[in-house]
């Protein structure tokens, strides 16, 4: 590293390469391999066994699509508006008021199939359970629905939480064999390097994510399941109920003239069952309350992303702002690694001092690269210069950079937070103002620590422009972090040059 600490363009190029490699690796490992498909499941095969045939199906393409519900009971809760159909006592609408999003997708409405239906091996019994009109009585946050048709009797008691995302469901069935509770289809979201589709948590805490592309529908899974779910990037439909059987389906639908596939999940229940249903965003506090934090898909970067999120979350709880949390995290990191910055800045200053001698050596040994390298190393030792000293401040930032990137693309908590003109920290700056500011801070860094070579200075400015374009489409929270990091670095460099060098 002949140009020493001032040759920071190499570190930035290295950062770009590592970032691209990790993103690609995270995609292929997390969504293709680590998600554990049914076809190559190797973990605990004696406890989680795929079976190709299923006792029940969704009965799509039957008369189901014609039996559209017409009467409803509505609950306007703190964060959600919920609509329950009297025909079938099922959830036909779950509207998230915070995110302004309907959790029941258009393809579910098209197929006329909804969460909390009861499926059975018999279409006739399934039809009676899900399309007969129930007698429903509403009282505060409780809804009691009952129905009797011949030998089939069913009672569902819904107890909604005040915020609206959690529902305690008590099911009591008579005259029904082998009932399954239907949870719903995969939320319609862009995966963006995360898993979407069937998700299970076993009673011993292990998590099974299934790639729906590998499902040969319908398939049954046997295991000790505590949670069963259909997850999207930010939203989830899940049920906490200990069962040993779950069925996953692969459902096709048309979107913009193209055939797409989504997952659908049903779990075996007893005729008398108590189920906790979760329908809403995968917010940390909500998931922590019900012991299902694993629903946040940190993927292959979990070892660094999850601790980073916990630190951010702690600062968020202290300040009430994710922007403030990112500011504090950045400042804390710069303080912790301030000694490395001192060492790096001193190294750069020494590099500037020995630059004339290095130029003499290059001219003297222009035809002998090996001798040139030996003489340069000798010179470094004489002046106490470490050519790798300038690398450390940027290298220690790389894991945090990647961790924060992952946090921003999988946690809905930060997706709701805006910053001045930016509506969401999880999305790009719509006006590209923040990336431009970040580029200017990089130019300022190059200006405050100039290289003896004018050509290298121009290369530094060029790298700042390149990174401005590179960061233009990154989540705003990540660009904010890097901009703040650059600003704090500028301040530290000024302090070091003025008082500590």
Protein backbone atom coordinates (compact mmCIF):
# COMPACT_ATOMS: atom_id res chain seq x y z
CA UNK A 1 0.00 0.00 0.00
CA UNK A 2 2.48 2.49 -1.22
CA UNK A 3 0.38 5.59 -0.92
CA UNK A 4 -0.38 4.94 2.71
CA UNK A 5 -3.34 6.34 4.55
CA UNK A 6 -4.19 8.89 1.89
CA UNK A 7 -4.90 6.13 -0.60
CA UNK A 8 -8.34 5.68 0.89
CA UNK A 9 -9.86 5.10 -2.53
CA UNK A 10 -8.63 1.51 -2.24
CA UNK A 11 -10.58 1.04 0.96
CA UNK A 12 -13.72 2.42 -0.65
CA UNK A 13 -13.31 0.12 -3.65
CA UNK A 14 -12.80 -2.74 -1.22
CA UNK A 15 -15.94 -1.69 0.65
CA UNK A 16 -17.94 -1.71 -2.59
CA UNK A 17 -16.72 -5.16 -3.59
CA UNK A 18 -17.39 -6.67 -0.17
CA UNK A 19 -20.82 -5.04 -0.07
CA UNK A 20 -21.82 -6.46 -3.46
CA UNK A 21 -20.46 -9.90 -2.55
CA UNK A 22 -22.36 -9.97 0.74
CA UNK A 23 -25.61 -8.83 -0.84
CA UNK A 24 -25.35 -11.51 -3.53
CA UNK A 25 -24.32 -14.12 -0.97
CA UNK A 26 -27.13 -13.09 1.36
CA UNK A 27 -29.63 -13.47 -1.48
CA UNK A 28 -28.53 -16.90 -2.66
CA UNK A 29 -27.82 -18.35 0.79
CA UNK A 30 -30.73 -16.81 2.65
CA UNK A 31 -33.46 -17.23 0.08
CA UNK A 32 -32.21 -20.30 -1.74
CA UNK A 33 -30.26 -22.45 0.73
CA UNK A 34 -30.51 -21.25 4.31
CA UNK A 35 -34.28 -20.99 4.01
CA UNK A 36 -34.28 -24.79 3.90
CA UNK A 37 -36.50 -26.02 1.13
CA UNK A 38 -38.64 -29.10 1.43
CA UNK A 39 -36.46 -30.92 -1.07
CA UNK A 40 -33.14 -30.65 0.74
CA UNK A 41 -34.19 -30.38 4.37
CA UNK A 42 -31.29 -31.76 6.39
CA UNK A 43 -32.00 -30.39 9.85
CA UNK A 44 -33.71 -32.74 12.28
CA UNK A 45 -35.35 -34.84 9.60
CA UNK A 46 -36.72 -37.14 12.25
CA UNK A 47 -38.80 -34.26 13.66
CA UNK A 48 -39.73 -32.20 10.57
CA UNK A 49 -40.75 -34.53 7.77
CA UNK A 50 -42.30 -33.44 4.47
CA UNK A 51 -45.17 -35.54 3.13
CA UNK A 52 -46.22 -35.08 -0.50
CA UNK A 53 -49.94 -35.61 -0.02
CA UNK A 54 -52.28 -33.65 2.24
CA UNK A 55 -55.58 -34.48 3.89
CA UNK A 56 -57.10 -31.11 3.00
CA UNK A 57 -56.90 -28.58 0.22
CA UNK A 58 -58.11 -25.04 -0.39
CA UNK A 59 -60.89 -26.13 -2.76
CA UNK A 60 -60.04 -23.35 -5.17
CA UNK A 61 -61.79 -23.40 -8.52
CA UNK A 62 -64.92 -24.90 -6.93
CA UNK A 63 -68.07 -23.05 -5.95
CA UNK A 64 -66.00 -21.25 -3.32
CA UNK A 65 -65.44 -18.21 -5.53
CA UNK A 66 -69.19 -17.66 -5.90
CA UNK A 67 -70.00 -17.70 -2.17
CA UNK A 68 -68.95 -14.12 -1.47
CA UNK A 69 -69.77 -12.85 2.07
CA UNK A 70 -72.25 -9.98 2.34
CA UNK A 71 -72.66 -9.26 6.06
CA UNK A 72 -69.92 -8.10 8.41
CA UNK A 73 -69.02 -6.98 11.92
CA UNK A 74 -66.36 -4.29 12.16
CA UNK A 75 -63.86 -3.31 14.86
CA UNK A 76 -62.05 0.03 14.68
CA UNK A 77 -59.04 -0.51 16.93
CA UNK A 78 -55.98 1.58 17.77
CA UNK A 79 -53.79 0.51 14.84
CA UNK A 80 -56.11 -1.62 12.74
CA UNK A 81 -59.61 -1.82 11.35
CA UNK A 82 -60.85 -5.41 11.27
CA UNK A 83 -63.86 -6.80 9.46
CA UNK A 84 -65.31 -10.23 10.28
CA UNK A 85 -67.77 -11.86 7.87
CA UNK A 86 -70.91 -13.34 9.43
CA UNK A 87 -70.73 -15.99 6.71
CA UNK A 88 -68.00 -18.25 8.08
CA UNK A 89 -66.89 -16.02 10.98
CA UNK A 90 -63.57 -15.26 9.25
CA UNK A 91 -61.32 -12.24 8.79
CA UNK A 92 -62.10 -10.56 5.47
CA UNK A 93 -60.26 -7.31 6.15
CA UNK A 94 -57.33 -6.32 8.35
CA UNK A 95 -56.38 -2.73 7.52
CA UNK A 96 -53.22 -1.41 9.20
CA UNK A 97 -53.83 2.26 9.94
CA UNK A 98 -50.18 2.95 10.80
CA UNK A 99 -48.81 1.63 7.51
CA UNK A 100 -52.00 2.37 5.54
CA UNK A 101 -52.03 -1.16 4.17
CA UNK A 102 -54.61 -3.91 3.77
CA UNK A 103 -53.24 -7.26 4.94
CA UNK A 104 -55.83 -9.30 3.03
CA UNK A 105 -54.42 -9.38 -0.48
CA UNK A 106 -56.35 -9.00 -3.79
CA UNK A 107 -55.57 -12.61 -4.76
CA UNK A 108 -57.16 -13.81 -1.51
CA UNK A 109 -60.30 -11.85 -2.32
CA UNK A 110 -60.26 -13.20 -5.88
CA UNK A 111 -60.21 -16.77 -4.57
CA UNK A 112 -62.66 -15.85 -1.77
CA UNK A 113 -60.55 -17.51 0.92
CA UNK A 114 -59.71 -15.77 4.19
CA UNK A 115 -57.74 -16.25 7.43
CA UNK A 116 -59.33 -18.28 10.23
CA UNK A 117 -61.46 -20.46 7.97
CA UNK A 118 -61.79 -24.10 9.03
CA UNK A 119 -60.69 -26.63 6.41
CA UNK A 120 -61.59 -30.32 6.47
CA UNK A 121 -61.06 -33.33 4.15
CA UNK A 122 -64.69 -32.89 3.02
CA UNK A 123 -65.70 -29.99 0.79
CA UNK A 124 -69.30 -30.22 1.99
CA UNK A 125 -68.25 -29.87 5.64
CA UNK A 126 -65.80 -27.11 4.74
CA UNK A 127 -68.55 -25.33 2.85
CA UNK A 128 -70.92 -25.49 5.83
CA UNK A 129 -68.25 -24.22 8.25
CA UNK A 130 -67.07 -21.28 6.13
CA UNK A 131 -70.11 -20.09 4.21
CA UNK A 132 -73.01 -20.65 6.61
CA UNK A 133 -74.23 -17.56 8.39
CA UNK A 134 -73.14 -17.39 12.05
CA UNK A 135 -75.07 -15.74 14.84
CA UNK A 136 -72.56 -13.17 16.13
CA UNK A 137 -72.73 -11.02 19.26
CA UNK A 138 -70.31 -8.13 19.74
CA UNK A 139 -69.32 -6.78 23.15
CA UNK A 140 -66.39 -4.34 23.49
CA UNK A 141 -63.38 -6.20 22.03
CA UNK A 142 -65.07 -9.59 22.01
CA UNK A 143 -67.08 -11.24 19.25
CA UNK A 144 -68.90 -14.55 19.85
CA UNK A 145 -70.07 -16.34 16.71
CA UNK A 146 -71.95 -19.65 16.62
CA UNK A 147 -73.59 -21.81 13.96
CA UNK A 148 -75.44 -25.14 13.74
CA UNK A 149 -76.24 -26.88 10.45
CA UNK A 150 -77.38 -30.46 10.73
CA UNK A 151 -74.76 -32.45 12.61
CA UNK A 152 -72.14 -29.71 12.26
CA UNK A 153 -71.80 -27.17 15.06
CA UNK A 154 -69.18 -24.43 15.35
CA UNK A 155 -68.41 -21.62 17.77
CA UNK A 156 -65.67 -19.04 17.35
CA UNK A 157 -64.86 -16.50 20.04
CA UNK A 158 -62.65 -13.58 18.96
CA UNK A 159 -60.93 -11.46 21.59
CA UNK A 160 -59.14 -8.57 19.89
CA UNK A 161 -56.24 -6.71 21.48
CA UNK A 162 -56.68 -2.94 21.82
CA UNK A 163 -54.03 -2.19 19.15
CA UNK A 164 -55.65 -4.68 16.76
CA UNK A 165 -52.75 -6.87 15.67
CA UNK A 166 -53.33 -9.80 18.05
CA UNK A 167 -56.48 -11.88 18.28
CA UNK A 168 -57.23 -14.68 20.72
CA UNK A 169 -59.45 -17.17 18.91
CA UNK A 170 -61.31 -19.94 20.69
CA UNK A 171 -62.69 -22.64 18.38
CA UNK A 172 -65.25 -25.25 19.42
CA UNK A 173 -66.36 -27.76 16.78
CA UNK A 174 -68.77 -30.68 16.81
CA UNK A 175 -69.43 -33.15 14.02
CA UNK A 176 -66.15 -32.19 12.32
CA UNK A 177 -63.32 -34.62 11.59
CA UNK A 178 -59.67 -33.60 11.16
CA UNK A 179 -60.12 -29.82 11.26
CA UNK A 180 -57.41 -27.42 10.04
CA UNK A 181 -57.19 -23.71 10.77
CA UNK A 182 -56.34 -21.67 7.68
CA UNK A 183 -53.87 -18.81 8.30
CA UNK A 184 -53.86 -17.03 4.95
CA UNK A 185 -51.57 -16.39 1.99
CA UNK A 186 -48.16 -14.73 1.78
CA UNK A 187 -48.30 -10.92 2.02
CA UNK A 188 -47.72 -9.30 -1.36
CA UNK A 189 -44.32 -7.68 -0.82
CA UNK A 190 -41.03 -7.33 -2.64
CA UNK A 191 -38.68 -9.78 -0.87
CA UNK A 192 -35.59 -7.57 -1.45
CA UNK A 193 -33.08 -10.24 -0.36
CA UNK A 194 -35.35 -11.52 2.43
CA UNK A 195 -37.51 -14.61 2.74
CA UNK A 196 -41.22 -14.49 2.00
CA UNK A 197 -43.50 -17.50 2.33
CA UNK A 198 -44.16 -20.26 4.90
CA UNK A 199 -42.43 -19.85 8.26
CA UNK A 200 -42.45 -22.17 11.27
CA UNK A 201 -40.95 -22.10 14.74
CA UNK A 202 -40.57 -25.40 16.60
CA UNK A 203 -41.20 -25.79 20.31
CA UNK A 204 -37.44 -25.93 20.94
CA UNK A 205 -36.93 -22.53 19.30
CA UNK A 206 -35.61 -23.51 15.87
CA UNK A 207 -36.92 -21.71 12.79
CA UNK A 208 -37.87 -23.26 9.44
CA UNK A 209 -38.28 -21.03 6.39
CA UNK A 210 -39.56 -22.63 3.19
CA UNK A 211 -39.02 -21.45 -0.36
CA UNK A 212 -42.45 -21.67 -1.96
CA UNK A 213 -40.89 -22.23 -5.39
CA UNK A 214 -39.79 -25.68 -4.17
CA UNK A 215 -43.21 -26.74 -2.88
CA UNK A 216 -45.09 -29.44 -4.79
CA UNK A 217 -48.62 -28.55 -3.72
CA UNK A 218 -50.08 -29.40 -1.40
CA UNK A 219 -47.55 -30.79 1.07
CA UNK A 220 -47.81 -31.73 4.70
CA UNK A 221 -45.13 -31.09 7.31
CA UNK A 222 -44.95 -33.09 10.53
CA UNK A 223 -43.06 -31.62 13.48
CA UNK A 224 -43.38 -29.95 16.87
CA UNK A 225 -44.57 -26.52 15.73
CA UNK A 226 -45.14 -23.65 18.13
CA UNK A 227 -45.66 -20.90 15.54
CA UNK A 228 -46.88 -21.26 11.96
CA UNK A 229 -47.00 -18.34 9.55
CA UNK A 230 -46.97 -16.79 6.11
CA UNK A 231 -44.45 -13.97 6.19
CA UNK A 232 -43.64 -11.08 3.91
CA UNK A 233 -40.77 -8.64 4.20
CA UNK A 234 -42.56 -6.40 6.71
CA UNK A 235 -45.90 -8.13 7.41
CA UNK A 236 -47.04 -11.49 8.69
CA UNK A 237 -50.06 -13.73 9.26
CA UNK A 238 -49.23 -16.18 12.02
CA UNK A 239 -50.76 -18.45 14.62
CA UNK A 240 -49.31 -19.57 17.93
CA UNK A 241 -50.66 -23.06 18.48
CA UNK A 242 -48.77 -26.24 19.29
CA UNK A 243 -49.45 -28.69 16.51
CA UNK A 244 -47.66 -31.60 14.88
CA UNK A 245 -49.09 -31.08 11.39
CA UNK A 246 -49.13 -28.20 8.93
CA UNK A 247 -50.07 -28.06 5.25
CA UNK A 248 -48.50 -25.63 2.82
CA UNK A 249 -50.02 -24.76 -0.55
CA UNK A 250 -48.64 -23.12 -3.67
CA UNK A 251 -51.21 -20.76 -5.17
CA UNK A 252 -50.93 -19.09 -8.56
CA UNK A 253 -52.30 -15.68 -9.56
CA UNK A 254 -51.89 -13.18 -12.35
CA UNK A 255 -50.06 -9.89 -11.87
CA UNK A 256 -49.50 -7.56 -14.82
CA UNK A 257 -50.18 -10.47 -17.17
CA UNK A 258 -47.55 -12.67 -15.52
CA UNK A 259 -48.20 -15.82 -13.46
CA UNK A 260 -46.93 -15.49 -9.87
CA UNK A 261 -46.95 -17.92 -6.94
CA UNK A 262 -47.59 -17.39 -3.25
CA UNK A 263 -47.70 -19.68 -0.25
CA UNK A 264 -50.71 -20.51 1.89
CA UNK A 265 -50.67 -22.35 5.23
CA UNK A 266 -53.14 -24.34 7.33
CA UNK A 267 -52.46 -26.11 10.63
CA UNK A 268 -54.15 -29.10 12.23
CA UNK A 269 -56.12 -28.22 15.36
CA UNK A 270 -58.18 -30.08 17.92
CA UNK A 271 -62.00 -29.69 17.82
CA UNK A 272 -61.53 -27.49 20.88
CA UNK A 273 -58.61 -25.11 20.38
CA UNK A 274 -57.29 -21.78 21.60
CA UNK A 275 -55.14 -19.95 19.07
CA UNK A 276 -53.28 -16.65 19.17
CA UNK A 277 -53.51 -15.08 15.71
CA UNK A 278 -51.07 -12.35 14.67
CA UNK A 279 -51.91 -10.26 11.63
CA UNK A 280 -49.85 -7.12 11.09
CA UNK A 281 -46.35 -5.66 10.81
CA UNK A 282 -43.26 -7.47 12.06
CA UNK A 283 -42.49 -4.74 14.58
CA UNK A 284 -39.94 -5.73 17.20
CA UNK A 285 -41.96 -4.77 20.26
CA UNK A 286 -45.00 -6.67 19.01
CA UNK A 287 -43.00 -9.79 18.13
CA UNK A 288 -41.10 -9.67 21.41
CA UNK A 289 -44.40 -9.59 23.31
CA UNK A 290 -45.45 -12.91 21.76
CA UNK A 291 -41.97 -14.54 21.65
CA UNK A 292 -41.66 -14.53 17.87
CA UNK A 293 -38.76 -12.16 17.21
CA UNK A 294 -37.35 -14.77 14.80
CA UNK A 295 -39.98 -13.64 12.31
CA UNK A 296 -37.63 -10.75 11.48
CA UNK A 297 -35.45 -12.23 8.75
CA UNK A 298 -31.92 -10.97 9.39
CA UNK A 299 -30.62 -13.78 7.21
CA UNK A 300 -26.94 -14.66 7.00
CA UNK A 301 -26.01 -11.33 8.63
CA UNK A 302 -27.96 -12.05 11.83
CA UNK A 303 -24.83 -12.31 14.00
CA UNK A 304 -24.10 -8.62 13.43
CA UNK A 305 -27.46 -7.24 12.28
CA UNK A 306 -29.51 -8.32 15.30
CA UNK A 307 -27.13 -6.83 17.92
CA UNK A 308 -26.95 -3.63 15.86
CA UNK A 309 -30.73 -3.44 15.82
CA UNK A 310 -30.92 -4.01 19.59
CA UNK A 311 -28.49 -1.12 20.19
CA UNK A 312 -30.51 1.10 17.86
CA UNK A 313 -33.74 0.01 19.53
CA UNK A 314 -32.32 0.90 22.96
CA UNK A 315 -31.45 4.41 21.79
CA UNK A 316 -34.85 4.67 20.12
CA UNK A 317 -36.59 3.85 23.41
CA UNK A 318 -34.49 6.55 25.12
CA UNK A 319 -35.14 9.26 22.54
CA UNK A 320 -38.36 8.24 20.76
CA UNK A 321 -36.68 8.80 17.38
CA UNK A 322 -34.90 6.39 15.03
CA UNK A 323 -33.03 9.33 13.49
CA UNK A 324 -31.69 10.24 16.93
CA UNK A 325 -30.83 6.57 17.50
CA UNK A 326 -28.75 6.49 14.29
CA UNK A 327 -27.04 9.75 15.33
CA UNK A 328 -26.13 8.36 18.78
CA UNK A 329 -24.96 5.04 17.34
CA UNK A 330 -22.71 6.82 14.83
CA UNK A 331 -21.29 9.14 17.48
CA UNK A 332 -20.69 6.22 19.87
CA UNK A 333 -18.82 4.27 17.19
CA UNK A 334 -16.62 7.26 16.36
CA UNK A 335 -15.80 7.76 20.06
CA UNK A 336 -14.98 4.06 20.56
CA UNK A 337 -12.65 4.01 17.56
CA UNK A 338 -11.17 7.46 18.12
CA UNK A 339 -7.77 5.95 19.07
CA UNK A 340 -7.70 4.23 15.66
CA UNK A 341 -8.49 7.55 13.99
CA UNK A 342 -5.57 9.18 15.81
CA UNK A 343 -3.26 6.42 14.63
CA UNK A 344 -4.58 6.64 11.07
CA UNK A 345 -4.29 10.43 10.88
CA UNK A 346 -0.77 10.37 12.22
CA UNK A 347 0.05 7.71 9.67
CA UNK A 348 -1.28 9.90 6.87
CA UNK A 349 0.72 12.85 8.11
CA UNK A 350 3.90 10.79 8.13
CA UNK A 351 3.09 9.64 4.64
CA UNK A 352 2.97 13.24 3.48
CA UNK A 353 6.33 13.90 5.15
CA UNK A 354 8.10 10.98 3.45
CA UNK A 355 6.42 11.50 0.07
CA UNK A 356 9.50 13.27 -1.44
CA UNK A 357 11.79 10.41 -0.34
CA UNK A 358 9.37 7.86 -1.78
CA UNK A 359 9.39 9.70 -5.09
CA UNK A 360 13.20 9.61 -5.12
CA UNK A 361 13.16 5.86 -4.48
CA UNK A 362 10.70 5.28 -7.31
CA UNK A 363 12.94 7.14 -9.75
CA UNK A 364 16.11 5.45 -8.47
CA UNK A 365 14.73 1.91 -8.66
CA UNK A 366 12.28 2.34 -11.55
CA UNK A 367 13.72 -0.74 -13.26
CA UNK A 368 13.93 -2.91 -10.13
CA UNK A 369 10.47 -3.31 -8.50
CA UNK A 370 11.70 -5.84 -5.95
CA UNK A 371 14.50 -3.54 -4.75
CA UNK A 372 12.04 -0.62 -4.68
CA UNK A 373 9.69 -2.56 -2.41
CA UNK A 374 12.54 -3.45 -0.05
CA UNK A 375 13.76 0.15 0.19
CA UNK A 376 10.23 1.43 0.79
CA UNK A 377 9.69 -1.03 3.65
CA UNK A 378 13.05 0.04 5.08
CA UNK A 379 11.98 3.70 4.91
CA UNK A 380 8.66 2.92 6.58
CA UNK A 381 10.49 1.29 9.48
CA UNK A 382 12.88 4.20 9.87
CA UNK A 383 10.11 6.76 10.26
CA UNK A 384 7.71 4.45 12.13
CA UNK A 385 5.08 4.48 9.40
CA UNK A 386 2.54 1.64 9.17
CA UNK A 387 1.22 1.46 5.57
CA UNK A 388 -1.85 -0.41 6.80
CA UNK A 389 -2.63 2.00 9.63
CA UNK A 390 -5.03 3.99 7.49
CA UNK A 391 -7.08 0.90 6.72
CA UNK A 392 -8.32 0.23 10.24
CA UNK A 393 -10.87 3.06 10.65
CA UNK A 394 -12.66 2.07 7.44
CA UNK A 395 -12.37 -1.68 8.06
CA UNK A 396 -14.06 -1.50 11.46
CA UNK A 397 -16.95 0.37 9.82
CA UNK A 398 -17.69 -2.37 7.29
CA UNK A 399 -19.54 -4.84 9.61
CA UNK A 400 -21.65 -2.02 11.07
CA UNK A 401 -22.39 -0.68 7.60
CA UNK A 402 -23.66 -4.08 6.42
CA UNK A 403 -25.55 -4.71 9.66
CA UNK A 404 -27.38 -1.38 9.46
CA UNK A 405 -28.19 -2.03 5.80
CA UNK A 406 -29.82 -5.34 6.73
CA UNK A 407 -31.70 -3.77 9.64
CA UNK A 408 -33.15 -1.09 7.38
CA UNK A 409 -34.45 -3.52 4.76
CA UNK A 410 -36.16 -6.02 7.10
CA UNK A 411 -37.55 -4.09 10.09
CA UNK A 412 -40.81 -2.18 9.64
CA UNK A 413 -39.96 -0.12 12.74
CA UNK A 414 -37.62 2.13 10.74
CA UNK A 415 -39.85 2.10 7.67
CA UNK A 416 -42.34 4.37 9.48
CA UNK A 417 -39.69 6.91 10.49
CA UNK A 418 -39.13 9.92 8.26
CA UNK A 419 -36.47 12.61 8.28
CA UNK A 420 -37.22 16.14 7.11
CA UNK A 421 -38.08 15.73 3.39
CA UNK A 422 -37.52 11.93 3.45
CA UNK A 423 -40.74 9.96 4.12
CA UNK A 424 -39.04 6.70 5.20
CA UNK A 425 -35.57 5.75 6.43
CA UNK A 426 -36.01 2.40 4.70
CA UNK A 427 -36.44 4.00 1.28
CA UNK A 428 -34.17 6.10 -0.89
CA UNK A 429 -34.12 9.89 -0.69
CA UNK A 430 -36.72 10.91 -3.32
CA UNK A 431 -34.81 14.12 -4.11
CA UNK A 432 -31.26 12.69 -3.70
CA UNK A 433 -30.33 15.55 -1.38
CA UNK A 434 -28.85 13.35 1.34
CA UNK A 435 -26.59 11.36 -1.05
CA UNK A 436 -25.28 14.67 -2.45
CA UNK A 437 -24.56 15.90 1.07
CA UNK A 438 -22.75 12.63 1.75
CA UNK A 439 -20.65 13.11 -1.40
CA UNK A 440 -19.74 16.64 -0.29
CA UNK A 441 -18.56 15.33 3.09
CA UNK A 442 -16.34 12.83 1.27
CA UNK A 443 -14.86 15.64 -0.83
CA UNK A 444 -14.28 17.59 2.38
CA UNK A 445 -12.45 14.58 3.82
CA UNK A 446 -10.20 14.44 0.76
CA UNK A 447 -9.60 18.19 0.99
CA UNK A 448 -8.69 18.18 4.70
CA UNK A 449 -6.21 15.30 4.23
CA UNK A 450 -4.65 16.12 0.86
CA UNK A 451 -2.28 13.79 -0.95
CA UNK A 452 1.11 14.95 -2.15
CA UNK A 453 0.04 13.80 -5.60
CA UNK A 454 -2.39 16.06 -7.45
CA UNK A 455 -3.50 13.13 -9.59
CA UNK A 456 -4.43 11.14 -6.50
CA UNK A 457 -6.41 14.08 -5.16
CA UNK A 458 -8.42 14.11 -8.37
CA UNK A 459 -9.03 10.37 -7.99
CA UNK A 460 -10.34 10.96 -4.47
CA UNK A 461 -12.80 13.54 -5.74
CA UNK A 462 -13.85 11.15 -8.49
CA UNK A 463 -14.49 8.41 -5.92
CA UNK A 464 -16.68 10.81 -3.94
CA UNK A 465 -18.79 11.39 -7.06
CA UNK A 466 -19.01 7.66 -7.77
CA UNK A 467 -20.14 6.92 -4.23
CA UNK A 468 -22.74 9.68 -4.41
CA UNK A 469 -24.36 7.85 -7.32
CA UNK A 470 -23.88 4.46 -5.63
CA UNK A 471 -25.62 5.59 -2.43
CA UNK A 472 -28.41 7.37 -4.31
CA UNK A 473 -30.63 4.27 -4.24
CA UNK A 474 -29.63 3.02 -0.79
CA UNK A 475 -32.01 3.28 2.19
CA UNK A 476 -31.93 6.84 3.52
CA UNK A 477 -31.09 5.62 7.02
CA UNK A 478 -27.87 4.08 5.71
CA UNK A 479 -26.93 7.25 3.79
CA UNK A 480 -27.68 9.28 6.92
CA UNK A 481 -25.38 7.03 8.95
CA UNK A 482 -22.53 7.35 6.44
CA UNK A 483 -22.99 11.12 6.17
CA UNK A 484 -22.89 11.52 9.94
CA UNK A 485 -19.89 9.22 10.08
CA UNK A 486 -18.08 11.43 7.56
CA UNK A 487 -18.95 14.59 9.50
CA UNK A 488 -17.70 13.13 12.79
CA UNK A 489 -14.55 11.95 10.99
CA UNK A 490 -13.93 15.48 9.72
CA UNK A 491 -14.29 16.88 13.24
CA UNK A 492 -11.98 14.22 14.68
CA UNK A 493 -9.39 14.82 11.95
CA UNK A 494 -9.40 18.56 12.67
CA UNK A 495 -8.95 17.89 16.41
CA UNK A 496 -6.11 15.47 15.77
CA UNK A 497 -4.30 17.78 13.35
CA UNK A 498 -4.67 20.79 15.64
CA UNK A 499 -4.11 19.28 19.09
CA UNK A 500 -2.87 15.67 18.96
CA UNK A 501 -0.38 15.35 16.10
